[in-house]
Amino acid sequence: MCVGCGACIEVCPAQCITLNPFATIDHAYCTMCGSCENTYPYDAIGWTEVLTKVEE
């Protein structure tokens, strides 16, 4: 669950994450690089599950 710490915003190279009051990803600009997933300390962002579903 997002706690609004902003860690994902700092590492996002596409700058597509905002806090409103929790993290919101603009999927039109997200490159799914995984930077936010690998940095976020609370496991609130998980692209791995989404990627697995797309590849099936």
C-alpha atoms as a PDB file:
ATOM      1  CA  MET A   1       0.000   0.000   0.000  1.00  0.00           C
ATOM      2  CA  CYS A   2       1.297   3.439  -0.929  1.00  0.00           C
ATOM      3  CA  VAL A   3       2.145   5.604   2.059  1.00  0.00           C
ATOM      4  CA  GLY A   4       2.923   8.733   0.020  1.00  0.00           C
ATOM      5  CA  CYS A   5       6.664   8.769   0.726  1.00  0.00           C
ATOM      6  CA  GLY A   6       7.568   9.921  -2.806  1.00  0.00           C
ATOM      7  CA  ALA A   7      10.493   7.500  -3.233  1.00  0.00           C
ATOM      8  CA  CYS A   8       9.108   6.341  -6.595  1.00  0.00           C
ATOM      9  CA  ILE A   9       8.898   9.916  -7.915  1.00  0.00           C
ATOM     10  CA  GLU A  10      12.581  10.523  -7.239  1.00  0.00           C
ATOM     11  CA  VAL A  11      13.746   7.495  -9.265  1.00  0.00           C
ATOM     12  CA  CYS A  12      11.304   7.615 -12.199  1.00  0.00           C
ATOM     13  CA  PRO A  13      13.274   8.503 -15.363  1.00  0.00           C
ATOM     14  CA  ALA A  14      10.036   9.206 -17.276  1.00  0.00           C
ATOM     15  CA  GLN A  15       8.805  11.563 -14.525  1.00  0.00           C
ATOM     16  CA  CYS A  16       5.326  10.097 -14.850  1.00  0.00           C
ATOM     17  CA  ILE A  17       4.475   9.632 -11.149  1.00  0.00           C
ATOM     18  CA  THR A  18       2.630  12.186  -9.015  1.00  0.00           C
ATOM     19  CA  LEU A  19       1.234  12.146  -5.475  1.00  0.00           C
ATOM     20  CA  ASN A  20      -2.499  12.854  -5.230  1.00  0.00           C
ATOM     21  CA  PRO A  21      -2.215  12.122  -2.161  1.00  0.00           C
ATOM     22  CA  PHE A  22      -0.882   8.674  -3.121  1.00  0.00           C
ATOM     23  CA  ALA A  23       1.297   7.651  -6.059  1.00  0.00           C
ATOM     24  CA  THR A  24      -0.431   7.858  -9.421  1.00  0.00           C
ATOM     25  CA  ILE A  25       1.353   6.598 -12.537  1.00  0.00           C
ATOM     26  CA  ASP A  26       0.572   8.167 -15.915  1.00  0.00           C
ATOM     27  CA  HIS A  27       0.645   4.991 -18.005  1.00  0.00           C
ATOM     28  CA  ALA A  28       0.796   6.985 -21.244  1.00  0.00           C
ATOM     29  CA  TYR A  29       4.386   7.960 -20.358  1.00  0.00           C
ATOM     30  CA  CYS A  30       5.508   5.018 -18.204  1.00  0.00           C
ATOM     31  CA  THR A  31       8.196   2.886 -19.866  1.00  0.00           C
ATOM     32  CA  MET A  32       7.810   0.080 -17.282  1.00  0.00           C
ATOM     33  CA  CYS A  33      11.543   0.288 -16.533  1.00  0.00           C
ATOM     34  CA  GLY A  34      10.988  -1.031 -13.005  1.00  0.00           C
ATOM     35  CA  SER A  35      12.857   1.763 -11.205  1.00  0.00           C
ATOM     36  CA  CYS A  36       9.884   2.539  -8.969  1.00  0.00           C
ATOM     37  CA  GLU A  37       9.260  -1.128  -8.218  1.00  0.00           C
ATOM     38  CA  ASN A  38      12.893  -1.748  -7.242  1.00  0.00           C
ATOM     39  CA  THR A  39      13.138   1.371  -5.047  1.00  0.00           C
ATOM     40  CA  TYR A  40       9.812   1.359  -3.280  1.00  0.00           C
ATOM     41  CA  PRO A  41      10.219   0.064   0.296  1.00  0.00           C
ATOM     42  CA  TYR A  42       6.594  -1.061   0.838  1.00  0.00           C
ATOM     43  CA  ASP A  43       5.947  -3.318  -2.207  1.00  0.00           C
ATOM     44  CA  ALA A  44       3.048  -1.150  -3.373  1.00  0.00           C
ATOM     45  CA  ILE A  45       4.206  -1.136  -7.005  1.00  0.00           C
ATOM     46  CA  GLY A  46       4.507  -4.468  -8.780  1.00  0.00           C
ATOM     47  CA  TRP A  47       5.044  -4.473 -12.527  1.00  0.00           C
ATOM     48  CA  THR A  48       6.234  -8.084 -12.530  1.00  0.00           C
ATOM     49  CA  GLU A  49       2.680  -9.375 -12.156  1.00  0.00           C
ATOM     50  CA  VAL A  50       1.405  -7.154 -14.964  1.00  0.00           C
ATOM     51  CA  LEU A  51       4.249  -8.165 -17.299  1.00  0.00           C
ATOM     52  CA  THR A  52       3.614 -11.848 -16.656  1.00  0.00           C
ATOM     53  CA  LYS A  53      -0.043 -11.517 -17.615  1.00  0.00           C
ATOM     54  CA  VAL A  54       0.816  -9.686 -20.844  1.00  0.00           C
ATOM     55  CA  GLU A  55       3.401 -12.282 -21.906  1.00  0.00           C
ATOM     56  CA  GLU A  56       1.071 -15.265 -21.439  1.00  0.00           C
END
